[in-house]
């Protein structure tokens, strides 16, 4: 694990708290992210292996779905205000394993090649092993993010400048050819996990946690999905997660159905989680010939217990950029 990154993050958090104390802070602010993703499937993922990319055939139990995530600066908000500094973006990687396929919610088990209700869990290898596919030496989220057991999503704040190879990632369906990070999963994970670790979310100890999808006819066939228009939905999914690490400090709970603020009731069966997300999966037209099979959209909400005011956070981002916190750096053991 790369502890140098986390030491610098600790310094950044300390500076953030100092700025917040000087300029005032707001409690229980809702922050949101809206993104563009590209998706791949790994088969043969185990506790010791990330598995291999699969781009044809039927979806099967045990497949690990990997998404590379792009959130442009205006699409990450705190209290409704865009809150990333100019010249930065939020990117990330998500990985979930298909653990169950059912004809309907609570219905009988069915082949995963058919439409129905899909249930997902954490990848056996852990998210760290997926991130390590990238060529970037900082691609593994180390402590305190510890994207190991139970972690499903890791997000990073990084530069759009192109310095050190950190490009302005573009995963929009309008992009030709569909992505500017190449057609390889490793190359796009490399770009998706650069910069400073912002948050890690996944399954912890909350009985309300879940990651599920409703898959439409044809959505169980990798070939059919890859040949479907990138503006046509093939599945809808929902995620209810706990937060392992968040750069801005403590995260409170959100009602998994209404999105209302829950405060901090803890990990109990109360219908509240720390991250609430919904998304759609579209066809993969434009992605053929590489490792990816689909496009997707992952929109999330969190309640931050206490964070710097949005304007201060943007200024803080500029200050950190000036200090080189977000710059490329060598990994340390």
Protein backbone atom coordinates (compact mmCIF):
# COMPACT_ATOMS: atom_id res chain seq x y z
CA UNK A 1 0.00 0.00 0.00
CA UNK A 2 1.11 3.55 -0.74
CA UNK A 3 1.31 5.31 2.61
CA UNK A 4 2.91 8.46 1.19
CA UNK A 5 -0.37 9.32 -0.52
CA UNK A 6 -2.31 8.96 2.69
CA UNK A 7 0.16 11.01 4.75
CA UNK A 8 -0.31 13.86 2.29
CA UNK A 9 -4.06 13.35 2.46
CA UNK A 10 -3.90 13.62 6.24
CA UNK A 11 -2.11 16.95 5.85
CA UNK A 12 -4.75 18.03 3.34
CA UNK A 13 -7.54 17.10 5.74
CA UNK A 14 -5.85 19.06 8.50
CA UNK A 15 -5.58 22.10 6.26
CA UNK A 16 -9.21 21.71 5.24
CA UNK A 17 -10.32 21.67 8.86
CA UNK A 18 -8.22 24.71 9.57
CA UNK A 19 -9.76 26.63 6.69
CA UNK A 20 -13.24 25.54 7.72
CA UNK A 21 -12.64 26.66 11.28
CA UNK A 22 -11.44 30.04 10.06
CA UNK A 23 -14.24 30.58 7.58
CA UNK A 24 -17.14 28.78 9.19
CA UNK A 25 -18.67 25.39 8.36
CA UNK A 26 -22.08 24.03 7.58
CA UNK A 27 -23.54 20.83 8.98
CA UNK A 28 -25.44 18.08 7.17
CA UNK A 29 -24.83 19.28 3.62
CA UNK A 30 -26.00 17.02 0.83
CA UNK A 31 -23.37 16.36 -1.79
CA UNK A 32 -23.95 14.68 -5.09
CA UNK A 33 -22.12 13.27 -8.09
CA UNK A 34 -23.28 12.55 -11.63
CA UNK A 35 -21.03 10.67 -13.99
CA UNK A 36 -20.28 8.87 -17.23
CA UNK A 37 -18.86 5.33 -17.02
CA UNK A 38 -17.56 2.53 -19.21
CA UNK A 39 -17.95 -1.08 -18.11
CA UNK A 40 -16.04 -4.33 -18.48
CA UNK A 41 -16.40 -7.89 -17.15
CA UNK A 42 -13.72 -9.93 -15.39
CA UNK A 43 -14.12 -13.70 -15.20
CA UNK A 44 -12.20 -15.93 -12.78
CA UNK A 45 -11.83 -13.32 -10.05
CA UNK A 46 -10.63 -14.99 -6.82
CA UNK A 47 -9.03 -14.03 -3.54
CA UNK A 48 -5.64 -14.19 -5.27
CA UNK A 49 -6.44 -13.18 -8.87
CA UNK A 50 -8.25 -10.29 -10.52
CA UNK A 51 -9.32 -12.58 -13.38
CA UNK A 52 -9.37 -11.98 -17.13
CA UNK A 53 -11.46 -9.69 -19.34
CA UNK A 54 -14.47 -11.30 -21.06
CA UNK A 55 -16.15 -9.65 -24.07
CA UNK A 56 -18.41 -12.39 -25.46
CA UNK A 57 -20.89 -15.05 -24.34
CA UNK A 58 -23.52 -15.07 -21.62
CA UNK A 59 -23.20 -13.28 -18.29
CA UNK A 60 -22.57 -15.85 -15.53
CA UNK A 61 -22.57 -16.09 -11.75
CA UNK A 62 -19.21 -15.01 -10.39
CA UNK A 63 -18.56 -12.41 -13.11
CA UNK A 64 -17.09 -9.18 -11.76
CA UNK A 65 -18.43 -6.00 -13.36
CA UNK A 66 -15.83 -3.22 -13.38
CA UNK A 67 -16.72 0.42 -14.08
CA UNK A 68 -14.32 3.28 -14.72
CA UNK A 69 -15.95 6.50 -13.53
CA UNK A 70 -15.68 10.12 -14.70
CA UNK A 71 -17.27 13.09 -12.86
CA UNK A 72 -16.49 16.49 -14.34
CA UNK A 73 -16.08 19.40 -11.92
CA UNK A 74 -19.59 20.90 -12.35
CA UNK A 75 -21.15 17.50 -11.68
CA UNK A 76 -19.86 17.17 -8.11
CA UNK A 77 -21.80 19.48 -5.79
CA UNK A 78 -22.03 20.33 -2.11
CA UNK A 79 -25.23 22.05 -1.09
CA UNK A 80 -26.10 22.36 -4.77
CA UNK A 81 -22.90 24.27 -5.59
CA UNK A 82 -20.19 22.81 -7.87
CA UNK A 83 -17.31 22.24 -5.47
CA UNK A 84 -14.23 20.99 -7.31
CA UNK A 85 -11.51 23.46 -8.16
CA UNK A 86 -11.12 24.51 -11.81
CA UNK A 87 -8.77 22.18 -13.64
CA UNK A 88 -9.70 19.14 -11.54
CA UNK A 89 -12.16 16.29 -11.94
CA UNK A 90 -13.33 13.32 -9.91
CA UNK A 91 -12.70 9.85 -11.31
CA UNK A 92 -12.87 6.36 -9.90
CA UNK A 93 -13.30 2.63 -10.20
CA UNK A 94 -16.12 0.34 -9.05
CA UNK A 95 -16.12 -3.46 -8.97
CA UNK A 96 -19.02 -5.77 -8.01
CA UNK A 97 -19.46 -9.54 -8.35
CA UNK A 98 -22.68 -11.11 -9.62
CA UNK A 99 -23.89 -13.42 -6.83
CA UNK A 100 -27.50 -14.16 -7.77
CA UNK A 101 -29.88 -14.09 -10.76
CA UNK A 102 -33.64 -14.31 -10.21
CA UNK A 103 -36.74 -14.16 -12.39
CA UNK A 104 -38.19 -11.49 -10.10
CA UNK A 105 -37.55 -9.97 -6.70
CA UNK A 106 -37.84 -12.86 -4.27
CA UNK A 107 -38.47 -15.26 -7.17
CA UNK A 108 -36.77 -18.46 -8.22
CA UNK A 109 -33.15 -18.58 -9.35
CA UNK A 110 -32.70 -18.32 -13.11
CA UNK A 111 -29.87 -18.43 -15.67
CA UNK A 112 -28.08 -15.10 -15.71
CA UNK A 113 -28.53 -14.97 -19.48
CA UNK A 114 -32.23 -14.17 -18.97
CA UNK A 115 -33.83 -10.91 -17.92
CA UNK A 116 -34.56 -10.55 -14.25
CA UNK A 117 -33.31 -9.36 -10.89
CA UNK A 118 -29.54 -9.50 -10.32
CA UNK A 119 -27.78 -9.30 -6.93
CA UNK A 120 -24.16 -8.23 -6.46
CA UNK A 121 -21.50 -8.40 -3.76
CA UNK A 122 -17.85 -7.47 -3.31
CA UNK A 123 -15.23 -8.93 -5.67
CA UNK A 124 -13.40 -11.86 -3.98
CA UNK A 125 -10.03 -10.24 -4.81
CA UNK A 126 -11.02 -6.98 -3.13
CA UNK A 127 -11.09 -3.64 -4.91
CA UNK A 128 -7.37 -3.07 -4.31
CA UNK A 129 -6.53 -5.96 -6.65
CA UNK A 130 -8.71 -4.45 -9.38
CA UNK A 131 -7.08 -1.05 -8.99
CA UNK A 132 -3.64 -2.64 -9.19
CA UNK A 133 -4.38 -3.65 -12.81
CA UNK A 134 -3.42 -0.09 -13.75
CA UNK A 135 0.11 0.90 -14.76
CA UNK A 136 0.00 3.91 -12.44
CA UNK A 137 2.14 3.21 -9.32
CA UNK A 138 -0.37 5.19 -7.23
CA UNK A 139 -3.37 3.26 -8.52
CA UNK A 140 -3.93 1.28 -5.31
CA UNK A 141 -6.01 3.03 -2.67
CA UNK A 142 -3.99 2.54 0.49
CA UNK A 143 -4.75 3.28 4.13
CA UNK A 144 -6.87 4.99 5.36
CA UNK A 145 -8.95 4.19 2.26
CA UNK A 146 -8.14 0.46 2.57
CA UNK A 147 -10.17 -0.61 -0.46
CA UNK A 148 -9.95 -4.23 0.60
CA UNK A 149 -12.68 -6.50 1.93
CA UNK A 150 -16.16 -5.16 1.22
CA UNK A 151 -15.04 -2.10 -0.76
CA UNK A 152 -16.96 -1.54 -4.00
CA UNK A 153 -16.18 2.02 -5.14
CA UNK A 154 -13.14 4.29 -4.83
CA UNK A 155 -13.13 7.91 -6.07
CA UNK A 156 -10.15 10.21 -6.60
CA UNK A 157 -9.66 13.94 -7.26
CA UNK A 158 -7.14 14.53 -10.00
CA UNK A 159 -5.91 16.99 -12.57
CA UNK A 160 -7.31 17.60 -16.05
CA UNK A 161 -4.10 19.24 -17.23
CA UNK A 162 -2.39 16.26 -18.82
CA UNK A 163 0.69 16.84 -16.64
CA UNK A 164 2.41 13.56 -15.84
CA UNK A 165 0.01 11.80 -18.20
CA UNK A 166 -3.07 12.66 -16.08
CA UNK A 167 -5.51 13.52 -18.87
CA UNK A 168 -8.94 15.11 -18.79
CA UNK A 169 -10.78 11.79 -18.80
CA UNK A 170 -13.75 11.65 -21.19
CA UNK A 171 -16.08 8.64 -21.07
CA UNK A 172 -19.19 10.22 -22.57
CA UNK A 173 -21.23 8.27 -25.11
CA UNK A 174 -20.80 11.30 -27.39
CA UNK A 175 -17.02 10.81 -27.51
CA UNK A 176 -15.56 9.24 -30.64
CA UNK A 177 -14.06 6.68 -30.24
CA UNK A 178 -16.15 6.37 -27.06
CA UNK A 179 -13.29 7.00 -24.61
CA UNK A 180 -10.02 8.91 -24.59
CA UNK A 181 -8.21 6.45 -22.26
CA UNK A 182 -7.87 3.74 -24.89
CA UNK A 183 -9.67 0.42 -25.20
CA UNK A 184 -7.86 -1.44 -22.42
CA UNK A 185 -9.30 -1.89 -18.95
CA UNK A 186 -5.84 -1.47 -17.39
CA UNK A 187 -5.22 1.82 -19.18
CA UNK A 188 -8.57 3.32 -18.20
CA UNK A 189 -8.26 2.13 -14.59
CA UNK A 190 -4.89 3.86 -14.55
CA UNK A 191 -6.55 7.17 -15.48
CA UNK A 192 -9.54 6.54 -13.21
CA UNK A 193 -7.41 6.05 -10.09
CA UNK A 194 -4.85 8.86 -10.33
CA UNK A 195 -4.69 11.82 -7.97
CA UNK A 196 -5.76 11.96 -4.33
CA UNK A 197 -8.10 9.45 -2.75
CA UNK A 198 -11.44 11.13 -1.98
CA UNK A 199 -13.72 8.36 -0.78
CA UNK A 200 -14.14 4.59 -0.54
CA UNK A 201 -17.58 3.00 -0.14
CA UNK A 202 -18.89 -0.55 0.06
CA UNK A 203 -20.37 -3.22 2.29
CA UNK A 204 -19.59 -2.93 5.97
CA UNK A 205 -21.98 -4.01 8.73
CA UNK A 206 -25.26 -2.35 7.78
CA UNK A 207 -28.18 -4.71 7.01
CA UNK A 208 -29.55 -2.03 4.68
CA UNK A 209 -26.60 -2.30 2.29
CA UNK A 210 -27.28 -3.70 -1.18
CA UNK A 211 -26.29 -3.57 -4.85
CA UNK A 212 -29.00 -4.85 -7.18
CA UNK A 213 -30.08 -4.49 -10.80
CA UNK A 214 -33.15 -5.06 -12.95
CA UNK A 215 -31.91 -6.47 -16.27
CA UNK A 216 -34.03 -6.04 -19.39
CA UNK A 217 -34.42 -8.68 -22.15
CA UNK A 218 -31.08 -9.13 -23.91
CA UNK A 219 -29.14 -7.68 -20.99
CA UNK A 220 -27.85 -11.11 -19.97
CA UNK A 221 -25.92 -11.55 -23.21
CA UNK A 222 -22.55 -9.78 -23.45
CA UNK A 223 -22.72 -9.87 -27.27
CA UNK A 224 -26.23 -8.39 -27.28
CA UNK A 225 -25.24 -5.59 -24.89
CA UNK A 226 -22.14 -4.76 -26.93
CA UNK A 227 -24.27 -4.53 -30.07
CA UNK A 228 -26.99 -2.37 -28.49
CA UNK A 229 -27.15 1.39 -29.05
CA UNK A 230 -25.31 3.44 -26.45
CA UNK A 231 -28.51 5.43 -25.91
CA UNK A 232 -30.63 2.34 -25.12
CA UNK A 233 -30.95 1.10 -21.53
CA UNK A 234 -30.25 -2.59 -20.92
CA UNK A 235 -30.45 -2.50 -17.09
CA UNK A 236 -31.20 -0.30 -14.08
CA UNK A 237 -29.34 -0.61 -10.78
CA UNK A 238 -29.42 0.65 -7.21
CA UNK A 239 -26.64 0.77 -4.62
CA UNK A 240 -26.93 1.37 -0.87
CA UNK A 241 -23.47 1.52 0.69
CA UNK A 242 -21.42 2.41 3.76
CA UNK A 243 -18.49 4.81 3.72
CA UNK A 244 -15.05 3.45 4.63
CA UNK A 245 -13.13 6.69 4.04
CA UNK A 246 -14.08 10.25 3.09
CA UNK A 247 -11.63 13.11 2.66
CA UNK A 248 -14.08 15.70 4.01
CA UNK A 249 -14.57 13.91 7.31
CA UNK A 250 -17.55 12.10 8.89
CA UNK A 251 -20.46 11.04 6.71
CA UNK A 252 -23.97 10.85 8.15
CA UNK A 253 -26.81 8.64 6.92
CA UNK A 254 -29.33 9.06 4.12
CA UNK A 255 -32.74 7.39 3.77
CA UNK A 256 -32.30 4.74 1.09
CA UNK A 257 -35.79 5.34 -0.33
CA UNK A 258 -36.51 9.06 0.04
CA UNK A 259 -32.99 10.52 0.17
CA UNK A 260 -33.92 12.41 3.34
CA UNK A 261 -31.34 13.15 6.00
CA UNK A 262 -31.19 10.47 8.72
CA UNK A 263 -28.51 11.94 10.97
CA UNK A 264 -26.24 9.32 12.52
CA UNK A 265 -28.34 6.41 13.78
CA UNK A 266 -25.49 3.97 13.15
CA UNK A 267 -25.46 0.62 11.36
CA UNK A 268 -28.93 -0.62 12.27
CA UNK A 269 -31.93 -1.88 10.30
CA UNK A 270 -33.49 1.57 9.98
CA UNK A 271 -33.61 2.01 6.21
CA UNK A 272 -30.67 4.43 6.24
CA UNK A 273 -27.24 4.08 4.64
CA UNK A 274 -24.30 6.39 4.02
CA UNK A 275 -24.39 6.43 0.22
CA UNK A 276 -27.47 6.20 -1.95
CA UNK A 277 -26.98 5.63 -5.68
CA UNK A 278 -29.01 4.84 -8.78
CA UNK A 279 -27.89 4.18 -12.31
CA UNK A 280 -28.56 2.86 -15.77
CA UNK A 281 -26.53 0.66 -18.11
CA UNK A 282 -26.60 1.36 -21.84
CA UNK A 283 -25.43 -0.61 -24.85
CA UNK A 284 -21.80 -0.69 -25.92
CA UNK A 285 -21.92 0.61 -29.49
CA UNK A 286 -18.63 2.43 -30.06
CA UNK A 287 -16.71 0.21 -27.62
CA UNK A 288 -16.22 -2.84 -29.86
CA UNK A 289 -12.68 -4.10 -30.30
CA UNK A 290 -11.53 -3.37 -26.77
CA UNK A 291 -12.11 -4.56 -23.21
CA UNK A 292 -15.38 -2.67 -22.58
CA UNK A 293 -18.91 -3.83 -23.32
CA UNK A 294 -21.25 -1.09 -22.05
CA UNK A 295 -21.72 2.49 -20.96
CA UNK A 296 -23.37 3.38 -17.66
CA UNK A 297 -24.44 6.22 -15.43
CA UNK A 298 -23.89 6.23 -11.66
CA UNK A 299 -25.45 9.08 -9.66
CA UNK A 300 -24.93 9.22 -5.90
CA UNK A 301 -25.87 11.26 -2.85
CA UNK A 302 -24.33 11.58 0.61
CA UNK A 303 -24.92 13.74 3.65
CA UNK A 304 -21.64 15.15 4.95
CA UNK A 305 -21.85 15.67 8.70
CA UNK A 306 -19.67 18.77 8.55
CA UNK A 307 -17.65 20.03 5.59
CA UNK A 308 -16.11 23.31 4.45
CA UNK A 309 -18.50 25.68 2.70
CA UNK A 310 -18.58 24.97 -1.07
CA UNK A 311 -16.76 28.17 -2.01
CA UNK A 312 -14.06 27.48 0.54
CA UNK A 313 -13.67 23.92 -0.75
CA UNK A 314 -13.07 25.21 -4.28
CA UNK A 315 -10.46 27.67 -3.03
CA UNK A 316 -8.91 24.90 -0.95
CA UNK A 317 -8.58 22.80 -4.08
CA UNK A 318 -6.65 25.61 -5.75
CA UNK A 319 -4.40 25.92 -2.71
CA UNK A 320 -3.68 22.20 -2.64
CA UNK A 321 -2.91 22.24 -6.35
CA UNK A 322 -0.39 25.00 -5.69
CA UNK A 323 1.23 22.92 -2.99
CA UNK A 324 1.54 20.00 -5.39
CA UNK A 325 -0.69 17.67 -3.36
CA UNK A 326 -2.46 16.54 -6.51
CA UNK A 327 0.69 16.18 -8.60
CA UNK A 328 2.17 12.91 -9.79
CA UNK A 329 4.62 11.38 -7.38
CA UNK A 330 6.68 8.26 -6.80
CA UNK A 331 5.17 5.44 -4.78
CA UNK A 332 6.58 4.53 -1.37
CA UNK A 333 6.35 1.19 0.33
